[in-house]
Amino acid sequence: QADFEGAYGRQVKVRHADGTVTSYSHMSEFTVSVGDSV
């Protein structure tokens, strides 16, 4: 996910190998797009 999410503002979500998802909110900008590997 790399999108504007209401009260979370600009938000990025990353799914990791063990299935855990980490979320990063209130960003001023994105530097990645959905589907990117990081």
PDB file of all heavy atoms in Angstrom:
ATOM      1  N   GLN A   1       0.863  -1.198   0.000  1.00  0.00           N
ATOM      2  CA  GLN A   1       0.000   0.000   0.000  1.00  0.00           C
ATOM      3  C   GLN A   1       0.893   1.241   0.000  1.00  0.00           C
ATOM      4  O   GLN A   1       1.902   1.299   0.692  1.00  0.00           O
ATOM      5  CB  GLN A   1      -0.911   0.030   1.233  1.00  0.00           C
ATOM      6  CG  GLN A   1      -1.808   1.266   1.286  1.00  0.00           C
ATOM      7  CD  GLN A   1      -2.722   1.260   2.495  1.00  0.00           C
ATOM      8  OE1 GLN A   1      -3.297   0.229   2.828  1.00  0.00           O
ATOM      9  NE2 GLN A   1      -2.869   2.421   3.141  1.00  0.00           N
ATOM     10  N   ALA A   2       0.500   2.222  -0.795  1.00  0.00           N
ATOM     11  CA  ALA A   2       1.154   3.543  -0.810  1.00  0.00           C
ATOM     12  C   ALA A   2       0.068   4.540  -1.231  1.00  0.00           C
ATOM     13  O   ALA A   2      -0.115   4.834  -2.418  1.00  0.00           O
ATOM     14  CB  ALA A   2       2.329   3.557  -1.761  1.00  0.00           C
ATOM     15  N   ASP A   3      -0.669   5.049  -0.227  1.00  0.00           N
ATOM     16  CA  ASP A   3      -1.858   5.857  -0.547  1.00  0.00           C
ATOM     17  C   ASP A   3      -2.208   6.756   0.638  1.00  0.00           C
ATOM     18  O   ASP A   3      -1.669   6.600   1.732  1.00  0.00           O
ATOM     19  CB  ASP A   3      -3.024   4.912  -0.869  1.00  0.00           C
ATOM     20  CG  ASP A   3      -4.114   5.580  -1.695  1.00  0.00           C
ATOM     21  OD1 ASP A   3      -3.993   6.806  -1.935  1.00  0.00           O
ATOM     22  OD2 ASP A   3      -5.052   4.879  -2.093  1.00  0.00           O
ATOM     23  N   PHE A   4      -3.133   7.685   0.378  1.00  0.00           N
ATOM     24  CA  PHE A   4      -3.634   8.554   1.463  1.00  0.00           C
ATOM     25  C   PHE A   4      -4.723   7.789   2.189  1.00  0.00           C
ATOM     26  O   PHE A   4      -5.687   7.299   1.579  1.00  0.00           O
ATOM     27  CB  PHE A   4      -4.170   9.872   0.888  1.00  0.00           C
ATOM     28  CG  PHE A   4      -4.387  10.912   1.919  1.00  0.00           C
ATOM     29  CD1 PHE A   4      -3.382  11.829   2.229  1.00  0.00           C
ATOM     30  CD2 PHE A   4      -5.601  10.990   2.601  1.00  0.00           C
ATOM     31  CE1 PHE A   4      -3.591  12.805   3.204  1.00  0.00           C
ATOM     32  CE2 PHE A   4      -5.815  11.969   3.581  1.00  0.00           C
ATOM     33  CZ  PHE A   4      -4.799  12.867   3.887  1.00  0.00           C
ATOM     34  N   GLU A   5      -4.609   7.668   3.549  1.00  0.00           N
ATOM     35  CA  GLU A   5      -5.514   6.814   4.320  1.00  0.00           C
ATOM     36  C   GLU A   5      -6.170   7.608   5.462  1.00  0.00           C
ATOM     37  O   GLU A   5      -5.930   7.358   6.645  1.00  0.00           O
ATOM     38  CB  GLU A   5      -4.725   5.625   4.880  1.00  0.00           C
ATOM     39  CG  GLU A   5      -5.577   4.537   5.498  1.00  0.00           C
ATOM     40  CD  GLU A   5      -6.484   3.828   4.484  1.00  0.00           C
ATOM     41  OE1 GLU A   5      -6.144   3.786   3.283  1.00  0.00           O
ATOM     42  OE2 GLU A   5      -7.546   3.345   4.890  1.00  0.00           O
ATOM     43  N   GLY A   6      -6.983   8.613   5.116  1.00  0.00           N
ATOM     44  CA  GLY A   6      -7.778   9.336   6.102  1.00  0.00           C
ATOM     45  C   GLY A   6      -6.949   9.963   7.203  1.00  0.00           C
ATOM     46  O   GLY A   6      -6.015  10.725   6.946  1.00  0.00           O
ATOM     47  N   ALA A   7      -7.293   9.594   8.474  1.00  0.00           N
ATOM     48  CA  ALA A   7      -6.612  10.160   9.641  1.00  0.00           C
ATOM     49  C   ALA A   7      -5.131   9.786   9.689  1.00  0.00           C
ATOM     50  O   ALA A   7      -4.348  10.460  10.367  1.00  0.00           O
ATOM     51  CB  ALA A   7      -7.304   9.697  10.923  1.00  0.00           C
ATOM     52  N   TYR A   8      -4.729   8.732   8.950  1.00  0.00           N
ATOM     53  CA  TYR A   8      -3.322   8.301   8.932  1.00  0.00           C
ATOM     54  C   TYR A   8      -2.504   9.096   7.914  1.00  0.00           C
ATOM     55  O   TYR A   8      -1.290   8.962   7.864  1.00  0.00           O
ATOM     56  CB  TYR A   8      -3.216   6.807   8.607  1.00  0.00           C
ATOM     57  CG  TYR A   8      -3.705   5.907   9.725  1.00  0.00           C
ATOM     58  CD1 TYR A   8      -4.987   5.374   9.679  1.00  0.00           C
ATOM     59  CD2 TYR A   8      -2.881   5.598  10.802  1.00  0.00           C
ATOM     60  CE1 TYR A   8      -5.445   4.537  10.690  1.00  0.00           C
ATOM     61  CE2 TYR A   8      -3.337   4.764  11.822  1.00  0.00           C
ATOM     62  CZ  TYR A   8      -4.609   4.239  11.750  1.00  0.00           C
ATOM     63  OH  TYR A   8      -5.059   3.429  12.774  1.00  0.00           O
ATOM     64  N   GLY A   9      -3.192   9.961   7.134  1.00  0.00           N
ATOM     65  CA  GLY A   9      -2.487  10.727   6.131  1.00  0.00           C
ATOM     66  C   GLY A   9      -1.876   9.819   5.051  1.00  0.00           C
ATOM     67  O   GLY A   9      -2.426   8.767   4.710  1.00  0.00           O
ATOM     68  N   ARG A  10      -0.724  10.259   4.536  1.00  0.00           N
ATOM     69  CA  ARG A  10      -0.045   9.413   3.533  1.00  0.00           C
ATOM     70  C   ARG A  10       0.549   8.199   4.268  1.00  0.00           C
ATOM     71  O   ARG A  10       1.357   8.355   5.182  1.00  0.00           O
ATOM     72  CB  ARG A  10       1.028  10.198   2.809  1.00  0.00           C
ATOM     73  CG  ARG A  10       0.489  11.220   1.835  1.00  0.00           C
ATOM     74  CD  ARG A  10       1.617  11.803   0.997  1.00  0.00           C
ATOM     75  NE  ARG A  10       1.087  12.725  -0.005  1.00  0.00           N
ATOM     76  CZ  ARG A  10       0.928  14.040   0.188  1.00  0.00           C
ATOM     77  NH1 ARG A  10       1.276  14.573   1.354  1.00  0.00           N
ATOM     78  NH2 ARG A  10       0.430  14.808  -0.771  1.00  0.00           N
ATOM     79  N   GLN A  11       0.127   7.005   3.796  1.00  0.00           N
ATOM     80  CA  GLN A  11       0.497   5.772   4.508  1.00  0.00           C
ATOM     81  C   GLN A  11       1.113   4.743   3.548  1.00  0.00           C
ATOM     82  O   GLN A  11       0.628   4.563   2.427  1.00  0.00           O
ATOM     83  CB  GLN A  11      -0.731   5.171   5.195  1.00  0.00           C
ATOM     84  CG  GLN A  11      -0.439   3.950   6.048  1.00  0.00           C
ATOM     85  CD  GLN A  11      -1.710   3.374   6.634  1.00  0.00           C
ATOM     86  OE1 GLN A  11      -2.560   2.866   5.887  1.00  0.00           O
ATOM     87  NE2 GLN A  11      -1.879   3.490   7.948  1.00  0.00           N
ATOM     88  N   VAL A  12       2.172   4.059   4.011  1.00  0.00           N
ATOM     89  CA  VAL A  12       2.798   2.941   3.284  1.00  0.00           C
ATOM     90  C   VAL A  12       2.742   1.704   4.180  1.00  0.00           C
ATOM     91  O   VAL A  12       3.019   1.794   5.385  1.00  0.00           O
ATOM     92  CB  VAL A  12       4.263   3.256   2.901  1.00  0.00           C
ATOM     93  CG1 VAL A  12       4.971   1.994   2.406  1.00  0.00           C
ATOM     94  CG2 VAL A  12       4.324   4.331   1.838  1.00  0.00           C
ATOM     95  N   LYS A  13       2.362   0.560   3.565  1.00  0.00           N
ATOM     96  CA  LYS A  13       2.393  -0.719   4.277  1.00  0.00           C
ATOM     97  C   LYS A  13       3.304  -1.678   3.527  1.00  0.00           C
ATOM     98  O   LYS A  13       3.266  -1.737   2.285  1.00  0.00           O
ATOM     99  CB  LYS A  13       0.993  -1.315   4.415  1.00  0.00           C
ATOM    100  CG  LYS A  13       0.114  -0.592   5.429  1.00  0.00           C
ATOM    101  CD  LYS A  13      -1.228  -1.310   5.595  1.00  0.00           C
ATOM    102  CE  LYS A  13      -2.066  -0.613   6.670  1.00  0.00           C
ATOM    103  NZ  LYS A  13      -3.376  -1.288   6.868  1.00  0.00           N
ATOM    104  N   VAL A  14       4.095  -2.443   4.307  1.00  0.00           N
ATOM    105  CA  VAL A  14       5.033  -3.423   3.727  1.00  0.00           C
ATOM    106  C   VAL A  14       4.766  -4.790   4.357  1.00  0.00           C
ATOM    107  O   VAL A  14       4.696  -4.920   5.589  1.00  0.00           O
ATOM    108  CB  VAL A  14       6.507  -3.010   3.981  1.00  0.00           C
ATOM    109  CG1 VAL A  14       7.449  -4.054   3.394  1.00  0.00           C
ATOM    110  CG2 VAL A  14       6.785  -1.631   3.399  1.00  0.00           C
ATOM    111  N   ARG A  15       4.578  -5.800   3.477  1.00  0.00           N
ATOM    112  CA  ARG A  15       4.404  -7.177   3.965  1.00  0.00           C
ATOM    113  C   ARG A  15       5.776  -7.867   3.925  1.00  0.00           C
ATOM    114  O   ARG A  15       6.463  -7.867   2.909  1.00  0.00           O
ATOM    115  CB  ARG A  15       3.408  -7.955   3.125  1.00  0.00           C
ATOM    116  CG  ARG A  15       3.241  -9.405   3.620  1.00  0.00           C
ATOM    117  CD  ARG A  15       2.303 -10.213   2.742  1.00  0.00           C
ATOM    118  NE  ARG A  15       0.932  -9.748   2.881  1.00  0.00           N
ATOM    119  CZ  ARG A  15       0.217  -9.239   1.885  1.00  0.00           C
ATOM    120  NH1 ARG A  15       0.767  -9.092   0.676  1.00  0.00           N
ATOM    121  NH2 ARG A  15      -1.037  -8.856   2.067  1.00  0.00           N
ATOM    122  N   HIS A  16       6.127  -8.531   5.043  1.00  0.00           N
ATOM    123  CA  HIS A  16       7.426  -9.190   5.168  1.00  0.00           C
ATOM    124  C   HIS A  16       7.296 -10.703   4.977  1.00  0.00           C
ATOM    125  O   HIS A  16       6.175 -11.232   4.863  1.00  0.00           O
ATOM    126  CB  HIS A  16       8.038  -8.844   6.529  1.00  0.00           C
ATOM    127  CG  HIS A  16       8.082  -7.373   6.782  1.00  0.00           C
ATOM    128  ND1 HIS A  16       8.926  -6.522   6.101  1.00  0.00           N
ATOM    129  CD2 HIS A  16       7.329  -6.581   7.619  1.00  0.00           C
ATOM    130  CE1 HIS A  16       8.728  -5.278   6.518  1.00  0.00           C
ATOM    131  NE2 HIS A  16       7.743  -5.290   7.438  1.00  0.00           N
ATOM    132  N   ALA A  17       8.420 -11.377   4.949  1.00  0.00           N
ATOM    133  CA  ALA A  17       8.447 -12.807   4.597  1.00  0.00           C
ATOM    134  C   ALA A  17       7.631 -13.659   5.565  1.00  0.00           C
ATOM    135  O   ALA A  17       7.034 -14.671   5.170  1.00  0.00           O
ATOM    136  CB  ALA A  17       9.883 -13.302   4.553  1.00  0.00           C
ATOM    137  N   ASP A  18       7.585 -13.295   6.838  1.00  0.00           N
ATOM    138  CA  ASP A  18       6.846 -14.102   7.825  1.00  0.00           C
ATOM    139  C   ASP A  18       5.366 -13.740   7.881  1.00  0.00           C
ATOM    140  O   ASP A  18       4.621 -14.253   8.728  1.00  0.00           O
ATOM    141  CB  ASP A  18       7.471 -13.941   9.216  1.00  0.00           C
ATOM    142  CG  ASP A  18       7.408 -12.510   9.733  1.00  0.00           C
ATOM    143  OD1 ASP A  18       6.966 -11.616   8.964  1.00  0.00           O
ATOM    144  OD2 ASP A  18       7.808 -12.278  10.885  1.00  0.00           O
ATOM    145  N   GLY A  19       4.919 -12.845   6.974  1.00  0.00           N
ATOM    146  CA  GLY A  19       3.519 -12.446   6.938  1.00  0.00           C
ATOM    147  C   GLY A  19       3.208 -11.207   7.732  1.00  0.00           C
ATOM    148  O   GLY A  19       2.091 -10.652   7.627  1.00  0.00           O
ATOM    149  N   THR A  20       4.170 -10.777   8.551  1.00  0.00           N
ATOM    150  CA  THR A  20       3.953  -9.553   9.331  1.00  0.00           C
ATOM    151  C   THR A  20       3.879  -8.343   8.401  1.00  0.00           C
ATOM    152  O   THR A  20       4.620  -8.246   7.419  1.00  0.00           O
ATOM    153  CB  THR A  20       5.107  -9.361  10.332  1.00  0.00           C
ATOM    154  OG1 THR A  20       5.142 -10.477  11.228  1.00  0.00           O
ATOM    155  CG2 THR A  20       4.927  -8.080  11.134  1.00  0.00           C
ATOM    156  N   VAL A  21       2.977  -7.405   8.734  1.00  0.00           N
ATOM    157  CA  VAL A  21       2.838  -6.166   7.977  1.00  0.00           C
ATOM    158  C   VAL A  21       3.237  -5.014   8.894  1.00  0.00           C
ATOM    159  O   VAL A  21       2.806  -4.957  10.061  1.00  0.00           O
ATOM    160  CB  VAL A  21       1.399  -5.966   7.466  1.00  0.00           C
ATOM    161  CG1 VAL A  21       1.250  -4.595   6.805  1.00  0.00           C
ATOM    162  CG2 VAL A  21       1.022  -7.069   6.492  1.00  0.00           C
ATOM    163  N   THR A  22       4.073  -4.118   8.385  1.00  0.00           N
ATOM    164  CA  THR A  22       4.421  -2.902   9.124  1.00  0.00           C
ATOM    165  C   THR A  22       3.830  -1.702   8.385  1.00  0.00           C
ATOM    166  O   THR A  22       3.776  -1.688   7.148  1.00  0.00           O
ATOM    167  CB  THR A  22       5.950  -2.745   9.263  1.00  0.00           C
ATOM    168  OG1 THR A  22       6.559  -2.799   7.972  1.00  0.00           O
ATOM    169  CG2 THR A  22       6.529  -3.806  10.158  1.00  0.00           C
ATOM    170  N   SER A  23       3.387  -0.717   9.181  1.00  0.00           N
ATOM    171  CA  SER A  23       2.693   0.443   8.615  1.00  0.00           C
ATOM    172  C   SER A  23       3.411   1.720   9.027  1.00  0.00           C
ATOM    173  O   SER A  23       3.857   1.866  10.180  1.00  0.00           O
ATOM    174  CB  SER A  23       1.242   0.470   9.132  1.00  0.00           C
ATOM    175  OG  SER A  23       0.574   1.643   8.709  1.00  0.00           O
ATOM    176  N   TYR A  24       3.478   2.681   8.075  1.00  0.00           N
ATOM    177  CA  TYR A  24       4.171   3.966   8.278  1.00  0.00           C
ATOM    178  C   TYR A  24       3.211   5.079   7.827  1.00  0.00           C
ATOM    179  O   TYR A  24       2.837   5.143   6.639  1.00  0.00           O
ATOM    180  CB  TYR A  24       5.470   4.008   7.463  1.00  0.00           C
ATOM    181  CG  TYR A  24       6.312   2.737   7.606  1.00  0.00           C
ATOM    182  CD1 TYR A  24       6.031   1.625   6.809  1.00  0.00           C
ATOM    183  CD2 TYR A  24       7.337   2.673   8.523  1.00  0.00           C
ATOM    184  CE1 TYR A  24       6.776   0.468   6.939  1.00  0.00           C
ATOM    185  CE2 TYR A  24       8.097   1.496   8.651  1.00  0.00           C
ATOM    186  CZ  TYR A  24       7.807   0.393   7.859  1.00  0.00           C
ATOM    187  OH  TYR A  24       8.542  -0.756   7.999  1.00  0.00           O
ATOM    188  N   SER A  25       2.809   5.973   8.784  1.00  0.00           N
ATOM    189  CA  SER A  25       1.759   6.960   8.470  1.00  0.00           C
ATOM    190  C   SER A  25       2.237   8.404   8.706  1.00  0.00           C
ATOM    191  O   SER A  25       3.279   8.640   9.303  1.00  0.00           O
ATOM    192  CB  SER A  25       0.523   6.702   9.340  1.00  0.00           C
ATOM    193  OG  SER A  25       0.041   5.395   9.141  1.00  0.00           O
ATOM    194  N   HIS A  26       1.386   9.397   8.204  1.00  0.00           N
ATOM    195  CA  HIS A  26       1.593  10.842   8.310  1.00  0.00           C
ATOM    196  C   HIS A  26       2.782  11.320   7.467  1.00  0.00           C
ATOM    197  O   HIS A  26       3.382  12.353   7.796  1.00  0.00           O
ATOM    198  CB  HIS A  26       1.778  11.278   9.788  1.00  0.00           C
ATOM    199  CG  HIS A  26       0.697  10.818  10.701  1.00  0.00           C
ATOM    200  ND1 HIS A  26      -0.635  11.081  10.475  1.00  0.00           N
ATOM    201  CD2 HIS A  26       0.755  10.100  11.864  1.00  0.00           C
ATOM    202  CE1 HIS A  26      -1.358  10.550  11.436  1.00  0.00           C
ATOM    203  NE2 HIS A  26      -0.535   9.945  12.303  1.00  0.00           N
ATOM    204  N   MET A  27       3.106  10.585   6.392  1.00  0.00           N
ATOM    205  CA  MET A  27       4.244  10.953   5.554  1.00  0.00           C
ATOM    206  C   MET A  27       3.986  12.250   4.785  1.00  0.00           C
ATOM    207  O   MET A  27       2.833  12.584   4.463  1.00  0.00           O
ATOM    208  CB  MET A  27       4.546   9.834   4.546  1.00  0.00           C
ATOM    209  CG  MET A  27       5.045   8.547   5.148  1.00  0.00           C
ATOM    210  SD  MET A  27       5.403   7.383   3.820  1.00  0.00           S
ATOM    211  CE  MET A  27       6.033   5.995   4.758  1.00  0.00           C
ATOM    212  N   SER A  28       5.066  12.920   4.475  1.00  0.00           N
ATOM    213  CA  SER A  28       4.964  14.086   3.599  1.00  0.00           C
ATOM    214  C   SER A  28       5.020  13.670   2.131  1.00  0.00           C
ATOM    215  O   SER A  28       4.515  14.395   1.262  1.00  0.00           O
ATOM    216  CB  SER A  28       6.088  15.078   3.898  1.00  0.00           C
ATOM    217  OG  SER A  28       7.357  14.490   3.666  1.00  0.00           O
ATOM    218  N   GLU A  29       5.626  12.494   1.874  1.00  0.00           N
ATOM    219  CA  GLU A  29       5.720  11.985   0.487  1.00  0.00           C
ATOM    220  C   GLU A  29       5.996  10.479   0.505  1.00  0.00           C
ATOM    221  O   GLU A  29       6.426   9.908   1.502  1.00  0.00           O
ATOM    222  CB  GLU A  29       6.847  12.700  -0.271  1.00  0.00           C
ATOM    223  CG  GLU A  29       8.224  12.479   0.317  1.00  0.00           C
ATOM    224  CD  GLU A  29       9.327  13.133  -0.486  1.00  0.00           C
ATOM    225  OE1 GLU A  29       9.090  13.484  -1.654  1.00  0.00           O
ATOM    226  OE2 GLU A  29      10.433  13.281   0.065  1.00  0.00           O
ATOM    227  N   PHE A  30       5.734   9.858  -0.658  1.00  0.00           N
ATOM    228  CA  PHE A  30       6.080   8.448  -0.866  1.00  0.00           C
ATOM    229  C   PHE A  30       7.361   8.377  -1.705  1.00  0.00           C
ATOM    230  O   PHE A  30       7.579   9.213  -2.587  1.00  0.00           O
ATOM    231  CB  PHE A  30       4.974   7.691  -1.618  1.00  0.00           C
ATOM    232  CG  PHE A  30       3.626   7.743  -0.956  1.00  0.00           C
ATOM    233  CD1 PHE A  30       2.521   8.173  -1.664  1.00  0.00           C
ATOM    234  CD2 PHE A  30       3.470   7.342   0.357  1.00  0.00           C
ATOM    235  CE1 PHE A  30       1.265   8.206  -1.065  1.00  0.00           C
ATOM    236  CE2 PHE A  30       2.214   7.383   0.969  1.00  0.00           C
ATOM    237  CZ  PHE A  30       1.117   7.816   0.246  1.00  0.00           C
ATOM    238  N   THR A  31       8.131   7.373  -1.482  1.00  0.00           N
ATOM    239  CA  THR A  31       9.293   7.096  -2.351  1.00  0.00           C
ATOM    240  C   THR A  31       9.223   5.694  -2.950  1.00  0.00           C
ATOM    241  O   THR A  31      10.168   5.240  -3.590  1.00  0.00           O
ATOM    242  CB  THR A  31      10.613   7.239  -1.555  1.00  0.00           C
ATOM    243  OG1 THR A  31      10.600   6.351  -0.442  1.00  0.00           O
ATOM    244  CG2 THR A  31      10.804   8.680  -1.090  1.00  0.00           C
ATOM    245  N   VAL A  32       8.086   5.014  -2.742  1.00  0.00           N
ATOM    246  CA  VAL A  32       7.891   3.660  -3.290  1.00  0.00           C
ATOM    247  C   VAL A  32       6.493   3.571  -3.877  1.00  0.00           C
ATOM    248  O   VAL A  32       5.642   4.446  -3.645  1.00  0.00           O
ATOM    249  CB  VAL A  32       8.075   2.566  -2.207  1.00  0.00           C
ATOM    250  CG1 VAL A  32       9.528   2.477  -1.752  1.00  0.00           C
ATOM    251  CG2 VAL A  32       7.136   2.810  -1.032  1.00  0.00           C
ATOM    252  N   SER A  33       6.265   2.484  -4.621  1.00  0.00           N
ATOM    253  CA  SER A  33       4.948   2.204  -5.189  1.00  0.00           C
ATOM    254  C   SER A  33       4.562   0.774  -4.834  1.00  0.00           C
ATOM    255  O   SER A  33       5.400  -0.066  -4.481  1.00  0.00           O
ATOM    256  CB  SER A  33       4.971   2.372  -6.716  1.00  0.00           C
ATOM    257  OG  SER A  33       5.344   3.691  -7.073  1.00  0.00           O
ATOM    258  N   VAL A  34       3.263   0.512  -4.937  1.00  0.00           N
ATOM    259  CA  VAL A  34       2.770  -0.841  -4.651  1.00  0.00           C
ATOM    260  C   VAL A  34       3.462  -1.844  -5.571  1.00  0.00           C
ATOM    261  O   VAL A  34       3.570  -1.622  -6.784  1.00  0.00           O
ATOM    262  CB  VAL A  34       1.244  -0.905  -4.821  1.00  0.00           C
ATOM    263  CG1 VAL A  34       0.745  -2.345  -4.665  1.00  0.00           C
ATOM    264  CG2 VAL A  34       0.548   0.009  -3.819  1.00  0.00           C
ATOM    265  N   GLY A  35       3.909  -2.940  -4.982  1.00  0.00           N
ATOM    266  CA  GLY A  35       4.598  -3.987  -5.758  1.00  0.00           C
ATOM    267  C   GLY A  35       6.101  -3.920  -5.667  1.00  0.00           C
ATOM    268  O   GLY A  35       6.788  -4.875  -6.063  1.00  0.00           O
ATOM    269  N   ASP A  36       6.630  -2.773  -5.170  1.00  0.00           N
ATOM    270  CA  ASP A  36       8.083  -2.657  -5.037  1.00  0.00           C
ATOM    271  C   ASP A  36       8.608  -3.602  -3.948  1.00  0.00           C
ATOM    272  O   ASP A  36       7.939  -3.829  -2.929  1.00  0.00           O
ATOM    273  CB  ASP A  36       8.482  -1.225  -4.678  1.00  0.00           C
ATOM    274  CG  ASP A  36       8.315  -0.254  -5.839  1.00  0.00           C
ATOM    275  OD1 ASP A  36       8.083  -0.740  -6.969  1.00  0.00           O
ATOM    276  OD2 ASP A  36       8.400   0.974  -5.613  1.00  0.00           O
ATOM    277  N   SER A  37       9.806  -4.122  -4.177  1.00  0.00           N
ATOM    278  CA  SER A  37      10.493  -4.911  -3.149  1.00  0.00           C
ATOM    279  C   SER A  37      11.496  -4.012  -2.451  1.00  0.00           C
ATOM    280  O   SER A  37      12.231  -3.260  -3.104  1.00  0.00           O
ATOM    281  CB  SER A  37      11.223  -6.109  -3.772  1.00  0.00           C
ATOM    282  OG  SER A  37      10.303  -7.025  -4.323  1.00  0.00           O
ATOM    283  N   VAL A  38      11.523  -4.109  -1.141  1.00  0.00           N
ATOM    284  CA  VAL A  38      12.427  -3.268  -0.359  1.00  0.00           C
ATOM    285  C   VAL A  38      13.221  -4.148   0.599  1.00  0.00           C
ATOM    286  O   VAL A  38      12.775  -5.233   0.994  1.00  0.00           O
ATOM    287  CB  VAL A  38      11.651  -2.203   0.432  1.00  0.00           C
ATOM    288  CG1 VAL A  38      11.011  -1.201  -0.509  1.00  0.00           C
ATOM    289  CG2 VAL A  38      10.601  -2.842   1.341  1.00  0.00           C
TER     290      VAL A  38
END
